[in-house]
Amino acid sequence: MSVTIKVNGAEHRLEIDGDTPLLWAIRDNLGLTGTKFGCGIAACGACTVHADGEAIRSCSVSVADAAGWDIRTIETLSEESLNPIQQAWLDLDVPQCGYCQSGMIMAATALINESRSPSDADIDEAMSNICRCGTYNRVRAAIHAAVRSI
């Protein structure tokens, strides 16, 4: 089956089974490995990307369903310099093992794009990504820091 998806501003025509998860099209077909596989059931958030500006779990969306959406991956956040979230992540030493971080950063970016003054409750609700290292307090602090720097 031929499916055309728009990823990071470019149209890509893929010869792929339409039921293939968007995650695998991004990683295997397009070679964009910043988006990570974690659980495969949309629970952990390691595969978070933006679809038309909204954070989604790419492991649970078929590539056929993603046709027509504007998909953005972690690779587009810092094309020239670090964006405020990435800088805050570094400044506050958020990552430990780092595996979940691309999904966390994508979810945090979508939150900040939606609200320039998220409360702790807003952050806790939006950041449903799982961090095995337990850096949730630093994630919250980094989001607040990023908002202040914008």
C-alpha atoms as a PDB file:
ATOM      1  CA  MET A   1       0.000   0.000   0.000  1.00  0.00           C
ATOM      2  CA  SER A   2       1.226   3.509  -0.721  1.00  0.00           C
ATOM      3  CA  VAL A   3       0.792   6.062   2.079  1.00  0.00           C
ATOM      4  CA  THR A   4       1.896   9.687   2.008  1.00  0.00           C
ATOM      5  CA  ILE A   5       2.717  11.328   5.304  1.00  0.00           C
ATOM      6  CA  LYS A   6       4.104  14.742   6.120  1.00  0.00           C
ATOM      7  CA  VAL A   7       6.903  14.580   8.658  1.00  0.00           C
ATOM      8  CA  ASN A   8       8.995  17.560   9.740  1.00  0.00           C
ATOM      9  CA  GLY A   9       7.699  19.653   6.860  1.00  0.00           C
ATOM     10  CA  ALA A  10       8.422  17.150   4.082  1.00  0.00           C
ATOM     11  CA  GLU A  11       6.017  14.843   2.260  1.00  0.00           C
ATOM     12  CA  HIS A  12       7.076  11.185   2.215  1.00  0.00           C
ATOM     13  CA  ARG A  13       5.457   8.537   0.045  1.00  0.00           C
ATOM     14  CA  LEU A  14       5.935   5.167   1.680  1.00  0.00           C
ATOM     15  CA  GLU A  15       5.233   1.706   0.367  1.00  0.00           C
ATOM     16  CA  ILE A  16       4.030   0.317   3.677  1.00  0.00           C
ATOM     17  CA  ASP A  17       1.165  -1.606   5.246  1.00  0.00           C
ATOM     18  CA  GLY A  18      -1.349   1.061   6.324  1.00  0.00           C
ATOM     19  CA  ASP A  19      -1.743  -0.620   9.731  1.00  0.00           C
ATOM     20  CA  THR A  20       1.940  -0.117  10.555  1.00  0.00           C
ATOM     21  CA  PRO A  21       2.303   2.096  13.619  1.00  0.00           C
ATOM     22  CA  LEU A  22       3.427   5.626  12.784  1.00  0.00           C
ATOM     23  CA  LEU A  23       6.376   5.098  15.156  1.00  0.00           C
ATOM     24  CA  TRP A  24       7.884   2.433  12.904  1.00  0.00           C
ATOM     25  CA  ALA A  25       7.330   4.479   9.752  1.00  0.00           C
ATOM     26  CA  ILE A  26       9.173   7.368  11.414  1.00  0.00           C
ATOM     27  CA  ARG A  27      12.039   5.232  12.709  1.00  0.00           C
ATOM     28  CA  ASP A  28      12.436   2.464  10.147  1.00  0.00           C
ATOM     29  CA  ASN A  29      11.277   4.089   6.922  1.00  0.00           C
ATOM     30  CA  LEU A  30      12.370   7.687   7.501  1.00  0.00           C
ATOM     31  CA  GLY A  31      15.404   6.990   9.706  1.00  0.00           C
ATOM     32  CA  LEU A  32      14.376   9.494  12.384  1.00  0.00           C
ATOM     33  CA  THR A  33      15.444   7.689  15.532  1.00  0.00           C
ATOM     34  CA  GLY A  34      14.847  10.440  18.100  1.00  0.00           C
ATOM     35  CA  THR A  35      11.341   9.071  18.627  1.00  0.00           C
ATOM     36  CA  LYS A  36      11.729   6.026  20.866  1.00  0.00           C
ATOM     37  CA  PHE A  37       9.880   2.742  21.302  1.00  0.00           C
ATOM     38  CA  GLY A  38       8.999   2.098  24.912  1.00  0.00           C
ATOM     39  CA  CYS A  39       5.921  -0.030  25.464  1.00  0.00           C
ATOM     40  CA  GLY A  40       3.922  -0.293  22.243  1.00  0.00           C
ATOM     41  CA  ILE A  41       0.593   0.339  24.019  1.00  0.00           C
ATOM     42  CA  ALA A  42       0.638   4.159  24.328  1.00  0.00           C
ATOM     43  CA  ALA A  43       1.277   4.022  28.069  1.00  0.00           C
ATOM     44  CA  CYS A  44       4.846   5.279  28.497  1.00  0.00           C
ATOM     45  CA  GLY A  45       5.081   8.216  26.068  1.00  0.00           C
ATOM     46  CA  ALA A  46       8.603   7.538  24.760  1.00  0.00           C
ATOM     47  CA  CYS A  47       7.131   7.680  21.241  1.00  0.00           C
ATOM     48  CA  THR A  48       5.457  11.093  21.649  1.00  0.00           C
ATOM     49  CA  VAL A  49       5.385  13.279  18.526  1.00  0.00           C
ATOM     50  CA  HIS A  50       3.245  16.238  17.501  1.00  0.00           C
ATOM     51  CA  ALA A  51       0.351  15.772  15.080  1.00  0.00           C
ATOM     52  CA  ASP A  52      -1.025  19.115  13.957  1.00  0.00           C
ATOM     53  CA  GLY A  53       0.557  20.598  17.090  1.00  0.00           C
ATOM     54  CA  GLU A  54      -0.931  18.108  19.531  1.00  0.00           C
ATOM     55  CA  ALA A  55       1.124  15.536  21.456  1.00  0.00           C
ATOM     56  CA  ILE A  56       0.256  11.972  20.411  1.00  0.00           C
ATOM     57  CA  ARG A  57       1.679   8.527  21.082  1.00  0.00           C
ATOM     58  CA  SER A  58       2.977   7.389  17.690  1.00  0.00           C
ATOM     59  CA  CYS A  59       3.035   3.694  18.631  1.00  0.00           C
ATOM     60  CA  SER A  60      -0.776   3.608  18.762  1.00  0.00           C
ATOM     61  CA  VAL A  61      -1.593   5.454  15.520  1.00  0.00           C
ATOM     62  CA  SER A  62      -1.485   3.719  12.162  1.00  0.00           C
ATOM     63  CA  VAL A  63       0.515   5.332   9.393  1.00  0.00           C
ATOM     64  CA  ALA A  64      -2.659   5.386   7.263  1.00  0.00           C
ATOM     65  CA  ASP A  65      -4.505   7.347   9.959  1.00  0.00           C
ATOM     66  CA  ALA A  66      -1.618   9.846  10.080  1.00  0.00           C
ATOM     67  CA  ALA A  67      -1.921  10.664   6.371  1.00  0.00           C
ATOM     68  CA  GLY A  68      -2.912  14.314   6.079  1.00  0.00           C
ATOM     69  CA  TRP A  69      -1.514  15.319   9.468  1.00  0.00           C
ATOM     70  CA  ASP A  70       1.503  17.563   9.984  1.00  0.00           C
ATOM     71  CA  ILE A  71       3.777  15.297  12.045  1.00  0.00           C
ATOM     72  CA  ARG A  72       6.710  16.818  13.930  1.00  0.00           C
ATOM     73  CA  THR A  73       9.415  14.821  15.697  1.00  0.00           C
ATOM     74  CA  ILE A  74      12.059  15.769  18.245  1.00  0.00           C
ATOM     75  CA  GLU A  75      14.489  16.387  15.375  1.00  0.00           C
ATOM     76  CA  THR A  76      12.706  19.643  14.452  1.00  0.00           C
ATOM     77  CA  LEU A  77      12.819  21.285  17.875  1.00  0.00           C
ATOM     78  CA  SER A  78      16.387  22.518  17.675  1.00  0.00           C
ATOM     79  CA  GLU A  79      17.324  22.974  14.064  1.00  0.00           C
ATOM     80  CA  GLU A  80      19.623  25.925  14.826  1.00  0.00           C
ATOM     81  CA  SER A  81      19.782  26.206  18.627  1.00  0.00           C
ATOM     82  CA  LEU A  82      18.157  24.627  21.648  1.00  0.00           C
ATOM     83  CA  ASN A  83      14.551  25.584  22.236  1.00  0.00           C
ATOM     84  CA  PRO A  84      13.546  26.805  25.742  1.00  0.00           C
ATOM     85  CA  ILE A  85      12.422  23.357  26.898  1.00  0.00           C
ATOM     86  CA  GLN A  86      15.640  21.684  25.801  1.00  0.00           C
ATOM     87  CA  GLN A  87      17.714  24.422  27.447  1.00  0.00           C
ATOM     88  CA  ALA A  88      15.752  24.117  30.707  1.00  0.00           C
ATOM     89  CA  TRP A  89      16.172  20.321  30.573  1.00  0.00           C
ATOM     90  CA  LEU A  90      19.938  20.798  30.421  1.00  0.00           C
ATOM     91  CA  ASP A  91      20.095  23.637  32.953  1.00  0.00           C
ATOM     92  CA  LEU A  92      18.143  21.639  35.554  1.00  0.00           C
ATOM     93  CA  ASP A  93      19.758  18.249  34.796  1.00  0.00           C
ATOM     94  CA  VAL A  94      16.403  16.635  34.066  1.00  0.00           C
ATOM     95  CA  PRO A  95      17.626  13.509  32.236  1.00  0.00           C
ATOM     96  CA  GLN A  96      19.196  10.613  34.046  1.00  0.00           C
ATOM     97  CA  CYS A  97      19.176   7.599  31.722  1.00  0.00           C
ATOM     98  CA  GLY A  98      17.604   9.817  29.037  1.00  0.00           C
ATOM     99  CA  TYR A  99      15.523   7.197  27.239  1.00  0.00           C
ATOM    100  CA  CYS A 100      12.166   8.880  27.857  1.00  0.00           C
ATOM    101  CA  GLN A 101      13.439  12.391  27.288  1.00  0.00           C
ATOM    102  CA  SER A 102      12.522  12.934  23.641  1.00  0.00           C
ATOM    103  CA  GLY A 103       8.917  11.976  24.425  1.00  0.00           C
ATOM    104  CA  MET A 104       8.947  14.105  27.580  1.00  0.00           C
ATOM    105  CA  ILE A 105      10.301  17.110  25.688  1.00  0.00           C
ATOM    106  CA  MET A 106       7.708  16.720  22.931  1.00  0.00           C
ATOM    107  CA  ALA A 107       4.882  16.504  25.497  1.00  0.00           C
ATOM    108  CA  ALA A 108       6.250  19.518  27.392  1.00  0.00           C
ATOM    109  CA  THR A 109       6.583  21.533  24.186  1.00  0.00           C
ATOM    110  CA  ALA A 110       2.962  20.806  23.237  1.00  0.00           C
ATOM    111  CA  LEU A 111       1.880  21.895  26.732  1.00  0.00           C
ATOM    112  CA  ILE A 112       3.803  25.173  26.535  1.00  0.00           C
ATOM    113  CA  ASN A 113       2.458  25.852  23.056  1.00  0.00           C
ATOM    114  CA  GLU A 114      -1.035  25.431  24.516  1.00  0.00           C
ATOM    115  CA  SER A 115      -0.516  27.357  27.772  1.00  0.00           C
ATOM    116  CA  ARG A 116       2.115  29.953  28.582  1.00  0.00           C
ATOM    117  CA  SER A 117       1.364  29.707  32.298  1.00  0.00           C
ATOM    118  CA  PRO A 118       0.667  26.071  33.201  1.00  0.00           C
ATOM    119  CA  SER A 119       0.032  25.294  36.848  1.00  0.00           C
ATOM    120  CA  ASP A 120       1.603  22.310  38.580  1.00  0.00           C
ATOM    121  CA  ALA A 121      -1.734  20.505  38.113  1.00  0.00           C
ATOM    122  CA  ASP A 122      -1.719  21.335  34.383  1.00  0.00           C
ATOM    123  CA  ILE A 123       1.821  19.978  34.082  1.00  0.00           C
ATOM    124  CA  ASP A 124       0.993  16.818  36.010  1.00  0.00           C
ATOM    125  CA  GLU A 125      -2.020  16.197  33.773  1.00  0.00           C
ATOM    126  CA  ALA A 126      -0.194  16.865  30.503  1.00  0.00           C
ATOM    127  CA  MET A 127       2.974  14.995  31.429  1.00  0.00           C
ATOM    128  CA  SER A 128       1.596  11.474  31.560  1.00  0.00           C
ATOM    129  CA  ASN A 129       4.862  10.107  30.158  1.00  0.00           C
ATOM    130  CA  ILE A 130       6.608   7.536  32.318  1.00  0.00           C
ATOM    131  CA  CYS A 131      10.143   8.176  33.548  1.00  0.00           C
ATOM    132  CA  ARG A 132      11.736   5.088  35.070  1.00  0.00           C
ATOM    133  CA  CYS A 133      14.304   7.318  36.800  1.00  0.00           C
ATOM    134  CA  GLY A 134      11.578   9.361  38.526  1.00  0.00           C
ATOM    135  CA  THR A 135      12.643  12.850  37.413  1.00  0.00           C
ATOM    136  CA  TYR A 136       9.108  14.226  37.634  1.00  0.00           C
ATOM    137  CA  ASN A 137       9.968  17.079  40.035  1.00  0.00           C
ATOM    138  CA  ARG A 138      12.772  18.224  37.728  1.00  0.00           C
ATOM    139  CA  VAL A 139      10.449  17.937  34.714  1.00  0.00           C
ATOM    140  CA  ARG A 140       7.935  20.225  36.417  1.00  0.00           C
ATOM    141  CA  ALA A 141      10.675  22.706  37.392  1.00  0.00           C
ATOM    142  CA  ALA A 142      12.091  22.697  33.847  1.00  0.00           C
ATOM    143  CA  ILE A 143       8.690  23.418  32.335  1.00  0.00           C
ATOM    144  CA  HIS A 144       8.247  26.388  34.671  1.00  0.00           C
ATOM    145  CA  ALA A 145      11.767  27.593  33.826  1.00  0.00           C
ATOM    146  CA  ALA A 146      11.140  27.267  30.089  1.00  0.00           C
ATOM    147  CA  VAL A 147       7.919  29.272  30.346  1.00  0.00           C
ATOM    148  CA  ARG A 148       9.755  32.043  32.213  1.00  0.00           C
ATOM    149  CA  SER A 149      12.418  32.194  29.468  1.00  0.00           C
ATOM    150  CA  ILE A 150       9.962  32.611  26.601  1.00  0.00           C
END
